[in-house]
């Protein structure tokens, strides 16, 4: 099944975007990136839903994947206790 975001990467107005799908524990990209964006998913990386992921290893891989001056953006939330 194609990810819902896939059509954007085919739109000529977004020619500088790419969709690269792989297991998050094996994070790697084919070329260095300007931006890594993780929206409303970060908390799942610590659970069985997406992981559990070795967060230190993931962060090292993410920062290594960035071009000089690139940005790593995380937007997330925390649930109320209980």
PDB file of N, CA and C in Angstrom:
ATOM      1  N   UNK A   1       0.834  -1.187   0.000  1.00  0.00           N
ATOM      2  CA  UNK A   1       0.000   0.000   0.000  1.00  0.00           C
ATOM      3  C   UNK A   1       0.875   1.245   0.000  1.00  0.00           C
ATOM      4  N   UNK A   2       0.548   2.193  -0.832  1.00  0.00           N
ATOM      5  CA  UNK A   2       1.319   3.432  -0.949  1.00  0.00           C
ATOM      6  C   UNK A   2       1.013   4.377   0.217  1.00  0.00           C
ATOM      7  N   UNK A   3       2.052   4.970   0.838  1.00  0.00           N
ATOM      8  CA  UNK A   3       1.807   5.955   1.896  1.00  0.00           C
ATOM      9  C   UNK A   3       1.015   7.149   1.367  1.00  0.00           C
ATOM     10  N   UNK A   4       0.165   7.722   2.206  1.00  0.00           N
ATOM     11  CA  UNK A   4      -0.699   8.826   1.797  1.00  0.00           C
ATOM     12  C   UNK A   4       0.083  10.035   1.279  1.00  0.00           C
ATOM     13  N   UNK A   5       1.294  10.224   1.737  1.00  0.00           N
ATOM     14  CA  UNK A   5       2.104  11.370   1.334  1.00  0.00           C
ATOM     15  C   UNK A   5       2.775  11.174  -0.024  1.00  0.00           C
ATOM     16  N   UNK A   6       2.779   9.967  -0.540  1.00  0.00           N
ATOM     17  CA  UNK A   6       3.496   9.655  -1.786  1.00  0.00           C
ATOM     18  C   UNK A   6       3.133  10.561  -2.964  1.00  0.00           C
ATOM     19  N   UNK A   7       1.866  10.915  -3.204  1.00  0.00           N
ATOM     20  CA  UNK A   7       1.559  11.771  -4.360  1.00  0.00           C
ATOM     21  C   UNK A   7       2.279  13.128  -4.323  1.00  0.00           C
ATOM     22  N   UNK A   8       2.552  13.633  -3.141  1.00  0.00           N
ATOM     23  CA  UNK A   8       3.253  14.919  -3.041  1.00  0.00           C
ATOM     24  C   UNK A   8       4.635  14.818  -3.666  1.00  0.00           C
ATOM     25  N   UNK A   9       5.305  13.699  -3.461  1.00  0.00           N
ATOM     26  CA  UNK A   9       6.668  13.552  -3.977  1.00  0.00           C
ATOM     27  C   UNK A   9       6.699  13.421  -5.499  1.00  0.00           C
ATOM     28  N   UNK A  10       5.552  13.156  -6.107  1.00  0.00           N
ATOM     29  CA  UNK A  10       5.467  13.090  -7.569  1.00  0.00           C
ATOM     30  C   UNK A  10       5.011  14.411  -8.191  1.00  0.00           C
ATOM     31  N   UNK A  11       4.556  15.330  -7.364  1.00  0.00           N
ATOM     32  CA  UNK A  11       4.076  16.626  -7.837  1.00  0.00           C
ATOM     33  C   UNK A  11       5.278  17.471  -8.266  1.00  0.00           C
ATOM     34  N   UNK A  12       5.293  17.991  -9.506  1.00  0.00           N
ATOM     35  CA  UNK A  12       6.425  18.805  -9.971  1.00  0.00           C
ATOM     36  C   UNK A  12       6.699  20.032  -9.100  1.00  0.00           C
ATOM     37  N   UNK A  13       5.703  20.518  -8.378  1.00  0.00           N
ATOM     38  CA  UNK A  13       5.912  21.658  -7.489  1.00  0.00           C
ATOM     39  C   UNK A  13       6.751  21.294  -6.264  1.00  0.00           C
ATOM     40  N   UNK A  14       6.911  19.999  -6.022  1.00  0.00           N
ATOM     41  CA  UNK A  14       7.694  19.521  -4.885  1.00  0.00           C
ATOM     42  C   UNK A  14       8.810  18.598  -5.367  1.00  0.00           C
ATOM     43  N   UNK A  15       9.432  18.975  -6.444  1.00  0.00           N
ATOM     44  CA  UNK A  15      10.473  18.142  -7.059  1.00  0.00           C
ATOM     45  C   UNK A  15      11.678  17.926  -6.135  1.00  0.00           C
ATOM     46  N   UNK A  16      11.833  18.768  -5.139  1.00  0.00           N
ATOM     47  CA  UNK A  16      12.969  18.632  -4.228  1.00  0.00           C
ATOM     48  C   UNK A  16      12.639  17.765  -3.010  1.00  0.00           C
ATOM     49  N   UNK A  17      11.539  17.024  -3.063  1.00  0.00           N
ATOM     50  CA  UNK A  17      11.181  16.132  -1.958  1.00  0.00           C
ATOM     51  C   UNK A  17      11.356  14.682  -2.384  1.00  0.00           C
ATOM     52  N   UNK A  18      11.506  13.806  -1.383  1.00  0.00           N
ATOM     53  CA  UNK A  18      11.558  12.388  -1.684  1.00  0.00           C
ATOM     54  C   UNK A  18      10.898  11.628  -0.550  1.00  0.00           C
ATOM     55  N   UNK A  19      10.364  10.494  -0.886  1.00  0.00           N
ATOM     56  CA  UNK A  19       9.797   9.587   0.093  1.00  0.00           C
ATOM     57  C   UNK A  19      10.686   8.355   0.111  1.00  0.00           C
ATOM     58  N   UNK A  20      11.201   8.047   1.267  1.00  0.00           N
ATOM     59  CA  UNK A  20      12.094   6.906   1.414  1.00  0.00           C
ATOM     60  C   UNK A  20      11.595   6.118   2.610  1.00  0.00           C
ATOM     61  N   UNK A  21      11.055   4.939   2.390  1.00  0.00           N
ATOM     62  CA  UNK A  21      10.426   4.150   3.438  1.00  0.00           C
ATOM     63  C   UNK A  21      11.327   2.983   3.816  1.00  0.00           C
ATOM     64  N   UNK A  22      11.588   2.869   5.099  1.00  0.00           N
ATOM     65  CA  UNK A  22      12.358   1.731   5.611  1.00  0.00           C
ATOM     66  C   UNK A  22      12.100   1.597   7.105  1.00  0.00           C
ATOM     67  N   UNK A  23      12.572   0.524   7.711  1.00  0.00           N
ATOM     68  CA  UNK A  23      12.413   0.297   9.132  1.00  0.00           C
ATOM     69  C   UNK A  23      13.151   1.393   9.902  1.00  0.00           C
ATOM     70  N   UNK A  24      12.489   1.991  10.854  1.00  0.00           N
ATOM     71  CA  UNK A  24      13.086   3.123  11.578  1.00  0.00           C
ATOM     72  C   UNK A  24      14.326   2.721  12.383  1.00  0.00           C
ATOM     73  N   UNK A  25      14.401   1.468  12.795  1.00  0.00           N
ATOM     74  CA  UNK A  25      15.590   1.021  13.527  1.00  0.00           C
ATOM     75  C   UNK A  25      16.819   0.958  12.633  1.00  0.00           C
ATOM     76  N   UNK A  26      16.607   0.923  11.324  1.00  0.00           N
ATOM     77  CA  UNK A  26      17.704   0.880  10.354  1.00  0.00           C
ATOM     78  C   UNK A  26      17.778   2.185   9.573  1.00  0.00           C
ATOM     79  N   UNK A  27      17.551   3.297  10.238  1.00  0.00           N
ATOM     80  CA  UNK A  27      17.478   4.585   9.564  1.00  0.00           C
ATOM     81  C   UNK A  27      18.738   4.879   8.762  1.00  0.00           C
ATOM     82  N   UNK A  28      18.550   5.113   7.498  1.00  0.00           N
ATOM     83  CA  UNK A  28      19.622   5.515   6.590  1.00  0.00           C
ATOM     84  C   UNK A  28      18.950   6.122   5.359  1.00  0.00           C
ATOM     85  N   UNK A  29      19.624   7.021   4.716  1.00  0.00           N
ATOM     86  CA  UNK A  29      19.089   7.656   3.511  1.00  0.00           C
ATOM     87  C   UNK A  29      20.146   7.613   2.406  1.00  0.00           C
ATOM     88  N   UNK A  30      19.707   7.655   1.143  1.00  0.00           N
ATOM     89  CA  UNK A  30      20.668   7.525   0.041  1.00  0.00           C
ATOM     90  C   UNK A  30      21.527   8.760  -0.197  1.00  0.00           C
ATOM     91  N   UNK A  31      21.136   9.893   0.346  1.00  0.00           N
ATOM     92  CA  UNK A  31      21.934  11.108   0.204  1.00  0.00           C
ATOM     93  C   UNK A  31      21.689  11.992   1.419  1.00  0.00           C
ATOM     94  N   UNK A  32      22.574  12.950   1.656  1.00  0.00           N
ATOM     95  CA  UNK A  32      22.431  13.815   2.823  1.00  0.00           C
ATOM     96  C   UNK A  32      21.260  14.764   2.621  1.00  0.00           C
ATOM     97  N   UNK A  33      20.611  15.117   3.708  1.00  0.00           N
ATOM     98  CA  UNK A  33      19.350  15.845   3.677  1.00  0.00           C
ATOM     99  C   UNK A  33      19.474  17.260   4.213  1.00  0.00           C
ATOM    100  N   UNK A  34      18.570  18.122   3.743  1.00  0.00           N
ATOM    101  CA  UNK A  34      18.449  19.471   4.288  1.00  0.00           C
ATOM    102  C   UNK A  34      17.614  19.462   5.568  1.00  0.00           C
ATOM    103  N   UNK A  35      16.658  18.549   5.628  1.00  0.00           N
ATOM    104  CA  UNK A  35      15.685  18.563   6.722  1.00  0.00           C
ATOM    105  C   UNK A  35      15.215  17.151   7.042  1.00  0.00           C
ATOM    106  N   UNK A  36      15.107  16.854   8.324  1.00  0.00           N
ATOM    107  CA  UNK A  36      14.413  15.672   8.817  1.00  0.00           C
ATOM    108  C   UNK A  36      13.301  16.192   9.707  1.00  0.00           C
ATOM    109  N   UNK A  37      12.072  15.785   9.403  1.00  0.00           N
ATOM    110  CA  UNK A  37      10.900  16.251  10.144  1.00  0.00           C
ATOM    111  C   UNK A  37      10.177  15.046  10.725  1.00  0.00           C
ATOM    112  N   UNK A  38       9.955  15.058  12.017  1.00  0.00           N
ATOM    113  CA  UNK A  38       9.223  14.003  12.707  1.00  0.00           C
ATOM    114  C   UNK A  38       8.033  14.668  13.393  1.00  0.00           C
ATOM    115  N   UNK A  39       6.845  14.492  12.840  1.00  0.00           N
ATOM    116  CA  UNK A  39       5.654  15.149  13.366  1.00  0.00           C
ATOM    117  C   UNK A  39       4.702  14.189  14.058  1.00  0.00           C
ATOM    118  N   UNK A  40       4.495  14.406  15.342  1.00  0.00           N
ATOM    119  CA  UNK A  40       3.539  13.663  16.155  1.00  0.00           C
ATOM    120  C   UNK A  40       3.798  12.155  16.173  1.00  0.00           C
ATOM    121  N   UNK A  41       5.059  11.776  16.036  1.00  0.00           N
ATOM    122  CA  UNK A  41       5.419  10.360  15.981  1.00  0.00           C
ATOM    123  C   UNK A  41       6.516   9.992  16.962  1.00  0.00           C
ATOM    124  N   UNK A  42       7.230  10.952  17.448  1.00  0.00           N
ATOM    125  CA  UNK A  42       8.437  10.713  18.242  1.00  0.00           C
ATOM    126  C   UNK A  42       8.170   9.795  19.434  1.00  0.00           C
ATOM    127  N   UNK A  43       7.077  10.023  20.144  1.00  0.00           N
ATOM    128  CA  UNK A  43       6.768   9.214  21.326  1.00  0.00           C
ATOM    129  C   UNK A  43       6.540   7.743  20.977  1.00  0.00           C
ATOM    130  N   UNK A  44       6.078   7.458  19.759  1.00  0.00           N
ATOM    131  CA  UNK A  44       5.852   6.071  19.339  1.00  0.00           C
ATOM    132  C   UNK A  44       7.162   5.308  19.137  1.00  0.00           C
ATOM    133  N   UNK A  45       8.252   6.019  18.915  1.00  0.00           N
ATOM    134  CA  UNK A  45       9.536   5.359  18.662  1.00  0.00           C
ATOM    135  C   UNK A  45      10.027   4.607  19.900  1.00  0.00           C
ATOM    136  N   UNK A  46       9.500   4.958  21.054  1.00  0.00           N
ATOM    137  CA  UNK A  46       9.911   4.324  22.308  1.00  0.00           C
ATOM    138  C   UNK A  46       8.984   3.177  22.694  1.00  0.00           C
ATOM    139  N   UNK A  47       7.985   2.885  21.864  1.00  0.00           N
ATOM    140  CA  UNK A  47       7.004   1.851  22.183  1.00  0.00           C
ATOM    141  C   UNK A  47       7.047   0.727  21.157  1.00  0.00           C
ATOM    142  N   UNK A  48       6.226  -0.281  21.372  1.00  0.00           N
ATOM    143  CA  UNK A  48       6.165  -1.393  20.430  1.00  0.00           C
ATOM    144  C   UNK A  48       5.477  -0.992  19.125  1.00  0.00           C
ATOM    145  N   UNK A  49       4.808   0.145  19.087  1.00  0.00           N
ATOM    146  CA  UNK A  49       4.116   0.608  17.872  1.00  0.00           C
ATOM    147  C   UNK A  49       5.101   0.818  16.717  1.00  0.00           C
ATOM    148  N   UNK A  50       6.215   1.495  16.982  1.00  0.00           N
ATOM    149  CA  UNK A  50       7.254   1.711  15.968  1.00  0.00           C
ATOM    150  C   UNK A  50       8.594   1.128  16.363  1.00  0.00           C
ATOM    151  N   UNK A  51       8.706   0.629  17.517  1.00  0.00           N
ATOM    152  CA  UNK A  51      10.018   0.195  17.995  1.00  0.00           C
ATOM    153  C   UNK A  51       9.887  -1.031  18.859  1.00  0.00           C
ATOM    154  N   UNK A  52      10.552  -1.018  19.973  1.00  0.00           N
ATOM    155  CA  UNK A  52      11.284   0.133  20.487  1.00  0.00           C
ATOM    156  C   UNK A  52      12.561   0.392  19.700  1.00  0.00           C
ATOM    157  N   UNK A  53      12.881   1.645  19.577  1.00  0.00           N
ATOM    158  CA  UNK A  53      14.039   2.099  18.819  1.00  0.00           C
ATOM    159  C   UNK A  53      15.132   2.517  19.793  1.00  0.00           C
ATOM    160  N   UNK A  54      16.369   2.204  19.483  1.00  0.00           N
ATOM    161  CA  UNK A  54      17.513   2.720  20.244  1.00  0.00           C
ATOM    162  C   UNK A  54      17.608   4.199  19.893  1.00  0.00           C
ATOM    163  N   UNK A  55      17.080   5.041  20.764  1.00  0.00           N
ATOM    164  CA  UNK A  55      16.951   6.460  20.454  1.00  0.00           C
ATOM    165  C   UNK A  55      18.308   7.132  20.251  1.00  0.00           C
ATOM    166  N   UNK A  56      19.312   6.769  21.033  1.00  0.00           N
ATOM    167  CA  UNK A  56      20.640   7.375  20.864  1.00  0.00           C
ATOM    168  C   UNK A  56      21.195   7.039  19.480  1.00  0.00           C
ATOM    169  N   UNK A  57      21.040   5.790  19.062  1.00  0.00           N
ATOM    170  CA  UNK A  57      21.524   5.377  17.732  1.00  0.00           C
ATOM    171  C   UNK A  57      20.736   6.090  16.637  1.00  0.00           C
ATOM    172  N   UNK A  58      19.428   6.215  16.821  1.00  0.00           N
ATOM    173  CA  UNK A  58      18.611   6.914  15.827  1.00  0.00           C
ATOM    174  C   UNK A  58      19.046   8.375  15.702  1.00  0.00           C
ATOM    175  N   UNK A  59      19.248   9.046  16.816  1.00  0.00           N
ATOM    176  CA  UNK A  59      19.672  10.456  16.769  1.00  0.00           C
ATOM    177  C   UNK A  59      21.021  10.604  16.073  1.00  0.00           C
ATOM    178  N   UNK A  60      21.956   9.728  16.379  1.00  0.00           N
ATOM    179  CA  UNK A  60      23.260   9.782  15.699  1.00  0.00           C
ATOM    180  C   UNK A  60      23.088   9.629  14.192  1.00  0.00           C
ATOM    181  N   UNK A  61      22.272   8.661  13.779  1.00  0.00           N
ATOM    182  CA  UNK A  61      22.039   8.432  12.342  1.00  0.00           C
ATOM    183  C   UNK A  61      21.335   9.628  11.705  1.00  0.00           C
ATOM    184  N   UNK A  62      20.374  10.202  12.399  1.00  0.00           N
ATOM    185  CA  UNK A  62      19.643  11.348  11.851  1.00  0.00           C
ATOM    186  C   UNK A  62      20.580  12.539  11.661  1.00  0.00           C
ATOM    187  N   UNK A  63      21.357  12.878  12.672  1.00  0.00           N
ATOM    188  CA  UNK A  63      22.266  14.017  12.539  1.00  0.00           C
ATOM    189  C   UNK A  63      23.357  13.754  11.502  1.00  0.00           C
ATOM    190  N   UNK A  64      23.807  12.516  11.386  1.00  0.00           N
ATOM    191  CA  UNK A  64      24.810  12.172  10.372  1.00  0.00           C
ATOM    192  C   UNK A  64      24.227  12.288   8.961  1.00  0.00           C
ATOM    193  N   UNK A  65      22.910  12.133   8.831  1.00  0.00           N
ATOM    194  CA  UNK A  65      22.249  12.194   7.525  1.00  0.00           C
ATOM    195  C   UNK A  65      22.029  13.619   7.038  1.00  0.00           C
ATOM    196  N   UNK A  66      22.217  14.593   7.908  1.00  0.00           N
ATOM    197  CA  UNK A  66      21.964  15.989   7.536  1.00  0.00           C
ATOM    198  C   UNK A  66      23.165  16.627   6.847  1.00  0.00           C
ATOM    199  N   UNK A  67      22.871  17.479   5.894  1.00  0.00           N
ATOM    200  CA  UNK A  67      23.908  18.328   5.294  1.00  0.00           C
ATOM    201  C   UNK A  67      24.363  19.339   6.343  1.00  0.00           C
ATOM    202  N   UNK A  68      25.534  19.930   6.187  1.00  0.00           N
ATOM    203  CA  UNK A  68      25.930  21.010   7.096  1.00  0.00           C
ATOM    204  C   UNK A  68      24.856  22.099   7.087  1.00  0.00           C
ATOM    205  N   UNK A  69      24.425  22.497   8.268  1.00  0.00           N
ATOM    206  CA  UNK A  69      23.376  23.512   8.382  1.00  0.00           C
ATOM    207  C   UNK A  69      21.971  22.944   8.278  1.00  0.00           C
ATOM    208  N   UNK A  70      21.842  21.624   8.096  1.00  0.00           N
ATOM    209  CA  UNK A  70      20.523  20.999   8.004  1.00  0.00           C
ATOM    210  C   UNK A  70      19.791  21.057   9.336  1.00  0.00           C
ATOM    211  N   UNK A  71      18.492  20.800   9.297  1.00  0.00           N
ATOM    212  CA  UNK A  71      17.652  20.889  10.495  1.00  0.00           C
ATOM    213  C   UNK A  71      16.976  19.556  10.787  1.00  0.00           C
ATOM    214  N   UNK A  72      16.882  19.247  12.063  1.00  0.00           N
ATOM    215  CA  UNK A  72      16.169  18.063  12.550  1.00  0.00           C
ATOM    216  C   UNK A  72      15.047  18.598  13.429  1.00  0.00           C
ATOM    217  N   UNK A  73      13.813  18.494  12.965  1.00  0.00           N
ATOM    218  CA  UNK A  73      12.663  19.075  13.649  1.00  0.00           C
ATOM    219  C   UNK A  73      11.785  17.966  14.193  1.00  0.00           C
ATOM    220  N   UNK A  74      11.450  18.068  15.482  1.00  0.00           N
ATOM    221  CA  UNK A  74      10.542  17.131  16.126  1.00  0.00           C
ATOM    222  C   UNK A  74       9.394  17.930  16.723  1.00  0.00           C
ATOM    223  N   UNK A  75       8.174  17.577  16.344  1.00  0.00           N
ATOM    224  CA  UNK A  75       6.971  18.141  16.954  1.00  0.00           C
ATOM    225  C   UNK A  75       6.240  16.961  17.561  1.00  0.00           C
ATOM    226  N   UNK A  76       5.963  17.017  18.848  1.00  0.00           N
ATOM    227  CA  UNK A  76       5.319  15.903  19.509  1.00  0.00           C
ATOM    228  C   UNK A  76       4.497  16.418  20.679  1.00  0.00           C
ATOM    229  N   UNK A  77       3.866  15.523  21.377  1.00  0.00           N
ATOM    230  CA  UNK A  77       3.041  15.867  22.520  1.00  0.00           C
ATOM    231  C   UNK A  77       3.268  14.830  23.595  1.00  0.00           C
ATOM    232  N   UNK A  78       2.830  15.138  24.775  1.00  0.00           N
ATOM    233  CA  UNK A  78       2.902  14.181  25.874  1.00  0.00           C
ATOM    234  C   UNK A  78       1.495  14.056  26.448  1.00  0.00           C
ATOM    235  N   UNK A  79       1.091  12.847  26.762  1.00  0.00           N
ATOM    236  CA  UNK A  79      -0.207  12.624  27.362  1.00  0.00           C
ATOM    237  C   UNK A  79      -0.200  12.980  28.832  1.00  0.00           C
ATOM    238  N   UNK A  80      -1.364  13.262  29.354  1.00  0.00           N
ATOM    239  CA  UNK A  80      -1.494  13.542  30.777  1.00  0.00           C
ATOM    240  C   UNK A  80      -1.185  12.273  31.553  1.00  0.00           C
ATOM    241  N   UNK A  81      -0.563  12.391  32.715  1.00  0.00           N
ATOM    242  CA  UNK A  81      -0.286  11.198  33.516  1.00  0.00           C
ATOM    243  C   UNK A  81      -1.563  10.377  33.760  1.00  0.00           C
ATOM    244  N   UNK A  82      -1.426   9.054  33.614  1.00  0.00           N
ATOM    245  CA  UNK A  82      -2.555   8.152  33.858  1.00  0.00           C
ATOM    246  C   UNK A  82      -3.457   8.012  32.672  1.00  0.00           C
TER     247      UNK A  82
END
